[in-house]
Amino acid sequence: MATTANKATTKQTTVAMTGNAGCALAMKQINPDVVGAYPITPQTTIVEEFANYVANGVVDTEYINVESEHSAMSACIGASAAGARVMTTTSSQGLALMWEELSIASAMRLPIVMHNVNRSLSGPINIHCDHSDSMGARDMGWVQMFGETAQEAYDNTIIAMRVAEHEKVMLPVMIMHDGFITSHAIDRFDVLDDEVVKKFVGEYVPKRALLDTDNPMTFGPFAMPPYYYEQRKAMRVALENAKDVVLKVSKEYGKLSGRTYGLFEEYRLDDAHIAVIVLGSTAGTAKYVVDKLRDKGMKVGLLKPRLFRPFPSAEMADALSHLKAVAVMDRSDSIGAPGGPVYMEVKAALYNTTKRPHVQGYVYGLGGRDTGPDQIETVFGDLQKVARGEEAPREAVTLLGVKE
């Protein structure tokens, strides 16, 4: 399941640009039929960059300027139902304003691809990174993929298009990367040529479309109890199918780019006794800590989820089965629950297994609060005590870095 590097079969160009610019470049290379979007910090520069491509005639996209994110998703739903290839972007309150439309997009099985540049949900008002926005939408029937770096944000954009439009999926895909940390920092990464991306994503030929008058379809009907339940089951099946499709498409993409992604990344995990699980850009800091502690002789590792919906429960349980203790670090809090969203998913995945580590939950970095190597070292120190039997397992979640 680890992210692997292999020899690329196509020429690539090394660029230096922000993660958001990389996403806009990938959108340009995909050349969607329609983009309906509304700017909101910190995703604004994606639509700004892409709007320049539209204005300069570089793409054939119909760019729809709307008055709100609710309208943006409504426009995307209409365009996708009509048979267009559709993309959009948002963040935080923008995603929240789309709320009633998100479940409609998935229920209508529309393969819309959307960047959600992670930002805290209000209130109080905050423009910095945590994962509360996308975690709030985790049960809306969308495939959800997280990226750590600008490279992954670029690659995920291209992969997501193929996943969304796969006949066994046909669901919208939400791609996440961390606001300001990944979105606005300039990074060095490799990009494919335009023609290579165009060939990889192919031409979208919808099997169901409102404008196909020879094969009339109904979109958005009223479903009475005899029909509603079965439709929801169909969504569940399609979302589960996305696991195999993500792996298949990622493998194909790896042959072109030299970068093959799994459902999650394992970093120095094979012989580890304890490990941290963390999403997004914080994984880079955690890898630094893992290397530092390894140099001191500690058997530590890391698991970085890439696919959060559908959650790869069986695969993750297998990857963690040999460990003594695991810490799950959530950059969002499920208030009133025993821990953050990732923590609860991991515990549920391990519950019915015969070999499972002790699992501790940590909430960190809310509202963009800095989380440095010293705090992650503290987490590993806690795990080491539990693994040695020196400390009783904790039941309550630890709020890491909060001021008492």
Protein backbone atom coordinates (compact mmCIF):
# COMPACT_ATOMS: atom_id res chain seq x y z
CA MET A 1 0.00 0.00 0.00
CA ALA A 2 3.04 2.27 0.16
CA THR A 3 3.68 5.09 -2.27
CA THR A 4 6.44 3.85 -4.55
CA ALA A 5 8.80 5.44 -7.03
CA ASN A 6 9.57 3.65 -10.26
CA LYS A 7 10.97 4.60 -13.64
CA ALA A 8 8.69 6.91 -15.57
CA THR A 9 7.91 6.01 -19.17
CA THR A 10 7.18 9.57 -20.27
CA LYS A 11 9.03 12.86 -20.25
CA GLN A 12 8.29 15.22 -17.35
CA THR A 13 9.13 18.82 -16.54
CA THR A 14 10.31 19.94 -13.11
CA VAL A 15 8.51 23.09 -11.99
CA ALA A 16 8.53 25.34 -8.94
CA MET A 17 5.06 26.55 -8.07
CA THR A 18 2.46 26.48 -5.33
CA GLY A 19 0.22 23.51 -4.71
CA ASN A 20 -2.79 25.52 -5.89
CA ALA A 21 -1.02 26.49 -9.11
CA GLY A 22 -0.21 22.82 -9.64
CA CYS A 23 -3.90 21.94 -9.27
CA ALA A 24 -4.87 24.65 -11.76
CA LEU A 25 -2.24 23.33 -14.18
CA ALA A 26 -3.65 19.81 -13.87
CA MET A 27 -7.15 21.21 -14.53
CA LYS A 28 -5.78 22.96 -17.63
CA GLN A 29 -4.30 19.69 -18.85
CA ILE A 30 -7.58 17.84 -18.23
CA ASN A 31 -9.49 20.64 -20.03
CA PRO A 32 -12.93 20.03 -18.46
CA ASP A 33 -16.08 21.04 -20.31
CA VAL A 34 -17.46 23.11 -17.44
CA VAL A 35 -16.10 24.70 -14.25
CA GLY A 36 -18.55 26.41 -11.94
CA ALA A 37 -16.75 27.97 -8.98
CA TYR A 38 -16.72 30.75 -6.43
CA PRO A 39 -13.49 32.00 -4.82
CA ILE A 40 -12.86 31.44 -1.12
CA THR A 41 -9.59 31.51 0.82
CA PRO A 42 -7.38 29.48 0.57
CA GLN A 43 -8.58 27.90 -2.70
CA THR A 44 -9.01 31.23 -4.52
CA THR A 45 -5.74 31.02 -6.44
CA ILE A 46 -6.82 27.76 -8.08
CA VAL A 47 -9.78 29.40 -9.79
CA GLU A 48 -7.78 32.59 -10.44
CA GLU A 49 -5.07 30.61 -12.25
CA PHE A 50 -7.60 28.52 -14.13
CA ALA A 51 -9.65 31.60 -15.09
CA ASN A 52 -6.50 32.94 -16.75
CA TYR A 53 -6.24 29.77 -18.84
CA VAL A 54 -9.86 30.27 -19.89
CA ALA A 55 -9.39 33.98 -20.67
CA ASN A 56 -6.28 33.27 -22.74
CA GLY A 57 -8.03 30.58 -24.78
CA VAL A 58 -5.73 27.82 -23.56
CA VAL A 59 -8.71 25.60 -22.65
CA ASP A 60 -12.17 25.08 -24.12
CA THR A 61 -13.84 25.19 -20.71
CA GLU A 62 -17.09 27.04 -20.07
CA TYR A 63 -16.25 28.89 -16.85
CA ILE A 64 -19.39 29.86 -14.91
CA ASN A 65 -19.09 32.81 -12.54
CA VAL A 66 -21.64 32.29 -9.79
CA GLU A 67 -22.76 34.25 -6.75
CA SER A 68 -22.10 31.56 -4.14
CA GLU A 69 -20.74 28.08 -3.57
CA HIS A 70 -24.29 26.73 -3.36
CA SER A 71 -24.82 28.01 -6.89
CA ALA A 72 -21.44 26.66 -7.96
CA MET A 73 -22.34 23.11 -7.01
CA SER A 74 -25.84 23.53 -8.46
CA ALA A 75 -24.31 24.60 -11.79
CA CYS A 76 -21.89 21.66 -11.67
CA ILE A 77 -24.74 19.22 -11.00
CA GLY A 78 -26.72 20.55 -13.95
CA ALA A 79 -23.74 20.48 -16.28
CA SER A 80 -22.69 16.99 -15.23
CA ALA A 81 -26.23 15.64 -15.58
CA ALA A 82 -26.28 17.10 -19.09
CA GLY A 83 -23.21 15.01 -19.94
CA ALA A 84 -20.30 17.41 -19.42
CA ARG A 85 -16.97 16.71 -17.74
CA VAL A 86 -17.10 19.01 -14.69
CA MET A 87 -14.68 20.30 -12.06
CA THR A 88 -14.83 22.85 -9.24
CA THR A 89 -12.98 23.95 -6.09
CA THR A 90 -13.86 25.21 -2.62
CA SER A 91 -12.84 25.49 1.04
CA SER A 92 -14.37 25.62 4.51
CA GLN A 93 -17.62 27.64 4.60
CA GLY A 94 -17.85 27.25 0.83
CA LEU A 95 -18.09 23.49 1.26
CA ALA A 96 -20.59 24.02 4.07
CA LEU A 97 -22.74 26.22 1.81
CA MET A 98 -22.75 23.38 -0.76
CA TRP A 99 -24.03 20.97 1.88
CA GLU A 100 -27.49 20.12 0.50
CA GLU A 101 -26.04 19.79 -3.01
CA LEU A 102 -23.23 17.39 -2.08
CA SER A 103 -25.55 14.46 -1.43
CA ILE A 104 -27.53 15.24 -4.57
CA ALA A 105 -24.36 15.03 -6.70
CA SER A 106 -23.50 11.61 -5.28
CA ALA A 107 -27.08 10.30 -5.36
CA MET A 108 -27.35 11.26 -9.04
CA ARG A 109 -24.01 9.45 -9.62
CA LEU A 110 -22.33 12.49 -11.16
CA PRO A 111 -18.53 12.23 -11.63
CA ILE A 112 -17.69 15.79 -10.55
CA VAL A 113 -14.11 16.38 -9.33
CA MET A 114 -13.65 19.06 -6.66
CA HIS A 115 -10.62 20.37 -4.81
CA ASN A 116 -11.33 21.16 -1.18
CA VAL A 117 -8.37 23.14 0.13
CA ASN A 118 -8.63 22.36 3.83
CA ARG A 119 -9.55 25.24 6.12
CA SER A 120 -11.21 25.43 9.53
CA LEU A 121 -14.96 25.74 9.72
CA SER A 122 -16.32 28.81 11.49
CA GLY A 123 -16.79 29.81 14.19
CA PRO A 124 -14.94 31.64 15.33
CA ILE A 125 -13.87 32.83 11.88
CA ASN A 126 -10.53 31.35 10.91
CA ILE A 127 -8.90 31.08 7.48
CA HIS A 128 -6.16 28.60 8.39
CA CYS A 129 -5.84 24.87 8.03
CA ASP A 130 -7.55 22.05 9.73
CA HIS A 131 -9.64 19.20 8.31
CA SER A 132 -13.01 20.03 9.85
CA ASP A 133 -14.51 21.04 6.50
CA SER A 134 -13.89 17.81 4.58
CA MET A 135 -14.50 15.64 7.65
CA GLY A 136 -17.89 17.28 8.03
CA ALA A 137 -18.71 16.00 4.53
CA ARG A 138 -17.34 12.50 5.00
CA ASP A 139 -20.73 10.77 4.84
CA MET A 140 -22.04 12.52 1.73
CA GLY A 141 -21.18 9.69 -0.68
CA TRP A 142 -18.09 11.34 -2.21
CA VAL A 143 -14.75 9.62 -2.72
CA GLN A 144 -12.23 11.52 -0.57
CA MET A 145 -8.46 11.64 -1.29
CA PHE A 146 -5.85 13.53 0.74
CA GLY A 147 -2.47 14.80 -0.47
CA GLU A 148 0.61 15.72 1.55
CA THR A 149 2.58 17.76 -0.97
CA ALA A 150 2.12 19.87 -4.11
CA GLN A 151 3.25 16.83 -6.10
CA GLU A 152 0.46 14.74 -4.64
CA ALA A 153 -2.11 17.53 -5.12
CA TYR A 154 -1.19 17.68 -8.82
CA ASP A 155 -1.16 13.90 -9.26
CA ASN A 156 -4.39 13.37 -7.34
CA THR A 157 -6.22 15.85 -9.59
CA ILE A 158 -5.44 13.79 -12.67
CA ILE A 159 -6.07 10.42 -11.01
CA ALA A 160 -9.38 11.63 -9.54
CA MET A 161 -10.83 12.34 -12.97
CA ARG A 162 -10.34 8.74 -14.05
CA VAL A 163 -11.67 7.37 -10.75
CA ALA A 164 -14.82 9.51 -10.82
CA GLU A 165 -15.68 8.56 -14.40
CA HIS A 166 -14.95 4.84 -14.05
CA GLU A 167 -18.05 2.80 -14.88
CA LYS A 168 -17.84 0.92 -11.55
CA VAL A 169 -17.74 4.18 -9.58
CA MET A 170 -19.53 7.12 -11.26
CA LEU A 171 -19.38 9.20 -8.09
CA PRO A 172 -18.02 12.67 -7.32
CA VAL A 173 -14.48 12.88 -5.94
CA MET A 174 -13.20 15.38 -3.37
CA ILE A 175 -9.44 16.02 -3.36
CA MET A 176 -7.88 17.59 -0.28
CA HIS A 177 -4.64 19.41 0.49
CA ASP A 178 -3.76 21.67 3.40
CA GLY A 179 -4.61 25.35 3.19
CA PHE A 180 -1.59 27.72 3.02
CA ILE A 181 0.83 24.91 3.94
CA THR A 182 0.47 23.05 0.64
CA SER A 183 -1.78 25.46 -1.24
CA HIS A 184 0.38 28.61 -1.06
CA ALA A 185 3.93 27.40 -0.39
CA ILE A 186 6.12 27.11 -3.48
CA ASP A 187 7.28 23.53 -3.99
CA ARG A 188 9.41 21.71 -6.54
CA PHE A 189 7.67 18.87 -8.36
CA ASP A 190 7.33 17.11 -11.70
CA VAL A 191 4.50 17.52 -14.20
CA LEU A 192 3.52 15.51 -17.25
CA ASP A 193 3.19 16.94 -20.75
CA ASP A 194 -0.26 18.19 -21.73
CA GLU A 195 -0.77 15.52 -24.39
CA VAL A 196 0.15 12.74 -21.96
CA VAL A 197 -2.49 13.90 -19.47
CA LYS A 198 -5.04 14.35 -22.24
CA LYS A 199 -4.50 10.78 -23.38
CA PHE A 200 -4.52 9.43 -19.80
CA VAL A 201 -7.88 10.95 -18.86
CA GLY A 202 -9.32 10.27 -22.32
CA GLU A 203 -12.53 11.67 -23.71
CA TYR A 204 -15.53 11.54 -21.40
CA VAL A 205 -18.48 9.84 -23.08
CA PRO A 206 -21.39 9.73 -20.60
CA LYS A 207 -23.67 6.71 -20.67
CA ARG A 208 -26.50 8.71 -19.10
CA ALA A 209 -27.20 12.34 -19.95
CA LEU A 210 -30.18 14.67 -19.87
CA LEU A 211 -29.42 15.89 -23.38
CA ASP A 212 -29.41 12.37 -24.87
CA THR A 213 -32.92 12.53 -26.31
CA ASP A 214 -32.62 9.07 -27.88
CA ASN A 215 -32.22 7.56 -24.43
CA PRO A 216 -34.34 9.67 -22.06
CA MET A 217 -33.34 9.55 -18.41
CA THR A 218 -34.83 10.82 -15.16
CA PHE A 219 -32.54 12.76 -12.79
CA GLY A 220 -33.49 13.78 -9.27
CA PRO A 221 -36.82 11.96 -8.89
CA PHE A 222 -38.82 11.73 -5.69
CA ALA A 223 -38.11 8.31 -4.16
CA MET A 224 -40.70 6.69 -1.93
CA PRO A 225 -39.62 4.07 0.67
CA PRO A 226 -39.83 1.14 -1.80
CA TYR A 227 -36.99 2.71 -3.86
CA TYR A 228 -34.89 5.02 -1.67
CA TYR A 229 -33.11 2.30 0.34
CA GLU A 230 -31.92 0.40 -2.74
CA GLN A 231 -30.55 3.57 -4.28
CA ARG A 232 -28.50 4.20 -1.16
CA LYS A 233 -27.21 0.63 -1.30
CA ALA A 234 -26.11 1.22 -4.91
CA MET A 235 -24.10 4.23 -3.73
CA ARG A 236 -22.45 2.15 -1.01
CA VAL A 237 -21.47 -0.53 -3.54
CA ALA A 238 -20.08 2.08 -5.94
CA LEU A 239 -18.08 3.74 -3.18
CA GLU A 240 -16.59 0.40 -2.12
CA ASN A 241 -15.68 -0.23 -5.77
CA ALA A 242 -13.60 2.93 -5.67
CA LYS A 243 -10.87 1.20 -3.62
CA ASP A 244 -9.91 -1.18 -6.42
CA VAL A 245 -10.37 1.51 -9.05
CA VAL A 246 -8.07 3.92 -7.18
CA LEU A 247 -5.38 1.24 -7.03
CA LYS A 248 -5.81 0.33 -10.69
CA VAL A 249 -5.76 3.92 -11.95
CA SER A 250 -2.86 4.84 -9.63
CA LYS A 251 -0.83 1.90 -10.96
CA GLU A 252 -1.48 2.99 -14.53
CA TYR A 253 -0.53 6.55 -13.61
CA GLY A 254 2.63 5.25 -11.96
CA LYS A 255 3.81 3.73 -15.23
CA LEU A 256 3.65 7.17 -16.83
CA SER A 257 4.93 9.30 -13.97
CA GLY A 258 7.10 6.98 -11.90
CA ARG A 259 4.87 7.71 -8.88
CA THR A 260 2.56 4.89 -7.83
CA TYR A 261 0.22 5.57 -4.93
CA GLY A 262 -1.48 3.09 -2.63
CA LEU A 263 -4.56 3.50 -0.45
CA PHE A 264 -2.13 4.78 2.18
CA GLU A 265 1.61 5.28 2.55
CA GLU A 266 3.69 3.22 4.96
CA TYR A 267 6.88 4.92 6.12
CA ARG A 268 9.43 2.72 7.95
CA LEU A 269 6.50 0.68 9.22
CA ASP A 270 7.58 -2.90 8.44
CA ASP A 271 9.71 -3.48 11.54
CA ALA A 272 8.21 -0.74 13.73
CA HIS A 273 6.85 -1.42 17.23
CA ILE A 274 4.89 1.83 17.49
CA ALA A 275 3.55 4.21 14.84
CA VAL A 276 1.67 7.44 14.18
CA ILE A 277 -1.20 7.78 11.71
CA VAL A 278 -1.64 11.27 10.27
CA LEU A 279 -3.19 12.91 7.20
CA GLY A 280 -1.90 15.66 4.95
CA SER A 281 1.13 17.91 5.26
CA THR A 282 1.85 17.02 8.90
CA ALA A 283 3.01 13.64 7.62
CA GLY A 284 6.16 15.37 6.34
CA THR A 285 7.00 16.62 9.82
CA ALA A 286 6.19 13.21 11.28
CA LYS A 287 8.56 11.51 8.81
CA TYR A 288 11.34 13.80 10.01
CA VAL A 289 10.61 12.75 13.60
CA VAL A 290 10.54 9.07 12.61
CA ASP A 291 13.99 9.38 11.04
CA LYS A 292 15.33 11.25 14.08
CA LEU A 293 14.03 8.63 16.52
CA ARG A 294 15.24 5.79 14.31
CA ASP A 295 18.73 7.26 14.57
CA LYS A 296 18.34 6.88 18.33
CA GLY A 297 17.45 3.22 17.94
CA MET A 298 13.69 3.48 18.40
CA LYS A 299 11.53 1.21 16.22
CA VAL A 300 9.00 3.81 15.09
CA GLY A 301 7.02 4.25 11.88
CA LEU A 302 4.23 6.16 10.20
CA LEU A 303 1.10 5.43 8.19
CA LYS A 304 -0.33 8.26 6.07
CA PRO A 305 -3.86 7.65 4.75
CA ARG A 306 -4.43 8.74 1.17
CA LEU A 307 -7.93 7.42 0.59
CA PHE A 308 -10.32 8.33 3.42
CA ARG A 309 -13.59 7.50 1.67
CA PRO A 310 -14.07 4.66 1.15
CA PHE A 311 -12.05 3.91 4.27
CA PRO A 312 -9.65 0.99 3.63
CA SER A 313 -10.48 -0.80 6.89
CA ALA A 314 -9.23 -4.33 6.12
CA GLU A 315 -6.05 -3.13 4.42
CA MET A 316 -5.21 -0.75 7.25
CA ALA A 317 -5.90 -3.35 9.94
CA ASP A 318 -3.50 -5.70 8.19
CA ALA A 319 -0.79 -3.02 7.95
CA LEU A 320 -1.08 -2.21 11.68
CA SER A 321 -1.48 -5.74 13.05
CA HIS A 322 2.17 -6.22 14.07
CA LEU A 323 2.40 -3.00 16.13
CA LYS A 324 2.19 -2.68 19.91
CA ALA A 325 0.68 0.81 20.01
CA VAL A 326 -0.61 3.37 17.51
CA ALA A 327 -1.38 7.09 17.84
CA VAL A 328 -3.98 8.58 15.49
CA MET A 329 -3.52 12.32 15.00
CA ASP A 330 -6.67 14.13 13.84
CA ARG A 331 -6.59 17.70 12.54
CA SER A 332 -10.30 17.92 13.36
CA ASP A 333 -12.42 17.08 16.36
CA SER A 334 -15.66 15.14 16.38
CA ILE A 335 -17.10 17.07 19.31
CA GLY A 336 -19.02 14.85 21.70
CA ALA A 337 -17.42 11.65 20.36
CA PRO A 338 -14.56 9.69 21.95
CA GLY A 339 -12.04 11.14 19.50
CA GLY A 340 -11.45 12.56 16.04
CA PRO A 341 -12.85 11.05 12.82
CA VAL A 342 -9.70 9.17 11.76
CA TYR A 343 -9.22 7.80 15.28
CA MET A 344 -12.72 6.34 15.32
CA GLU A 345 -12.32 4.83 11.85
CA VAL A 346 -9.03 3.17 12.82
CA LYS A 347 -10.43 1.77 16.08
CA ALA A 348 -13.45 0.40 14.22
CA ALA A 349 -11.19 -1.19 11.59
CA LEU A 350 -9.16 -2.96 14.29
CA TYR A 351 -12.01 -3.98 16.59
CA ASN A 352 -12.79 -7.39 15.08
CA THR A 353 -9.19 -8.39 14.39
CA THR A 354 -7.39 -10.91 16.58
CA LYS A 355 -4.06 -9.06 16.49
CA ARG A 356 -4.47 -5.38 17.17
CA PRO A 357 -2.37 -2.65 18.77
CA HIS A 358 -3.51 -0.29 21.48
CA VAL A 359 -4.82 2.89 19.82
CA GLN A 360 -4.59 6.40 21.30
CA GLY A 361 -6.24 9.48 19.86
CA TYR A 362 -4.84 12.99 19.55
CA VAL A 363 -6.48 16.12 18.19
CA TYR A 364 -3.97 18.70 16.96
CA GLY A 365 -3.46 21.81 14.85
CA LEU A 366 -7.02 23.18 14.92
CA GLY A 367 -7.38 26.58 13.28
CA GLY A 368 -3.85 26.35 11.88
CA ARG A 369 -2.12 25.90 15.27
CA ASP A 370 1.52 24.94 14.59
CA THR A 371 2.46 21.34 15.32
CA GLY A 372 6.20 20.92 15.46
CA PRO A 373 8.54 17.95 15.74
CA ASP A 374 8.70 18.30 19.53
CA GLN A 375 4.96 17.67 19.88
CA ILE A 376 5.12 14.62 17.62
CA GLU A 377 8.06 13.32 19.65
CA THR A 378 5.82 13.63 22.72
CA VAL A 379 3.25 11.44 20.99
CA PHE A 380 5.86 8.78 20.26
CA GLY A 381 7.02 9.06 23.89
CA ASP A 382 3.48 8.34 25.08
CA LEU A 383 3.26 5.32 22.80
CA GLN A 384 6.57 3.97 24.01
CA LYS A 385 5.33 4.02 27.62
CA VAL A 386 2.14 2.19 26.65
CA ALA A 387 4.07 -0.39 24.61
CA ARG A 388 6.34 -1.09 27.60
CA GLY A 389 3.37 -1.37 29.96
CA GLU A 390 4.52 1.64 31.99
CA GLU A 391 1.34 3.64 31.45
CA ALA A 392 -2.28 2.61 31.49
CA PRO A 393 -4.10 2.95 28.16
CA ARG A 394 -5.93 6.25 27.84
CA GLU A 395 -9.62 6.40 27.13
CA ALA A 396 -10.05 10.14 26.54
CA VAL A 397 -8.64 11.94 23.50
CA THR A 398 -5.55 14.11 24.06
CA LEU A 399 -5.79 17.72 22.81
CA LEU A 400 -2.23 18.19 21.62
CA GLY A 401 -0.76 21.68 21.93
CA VAL A 402 -3.84 23.34 23.43
CA LYS A 403 -3.28 26.12 25.98
CA GLU A 404 -4.78 25.18 29.34
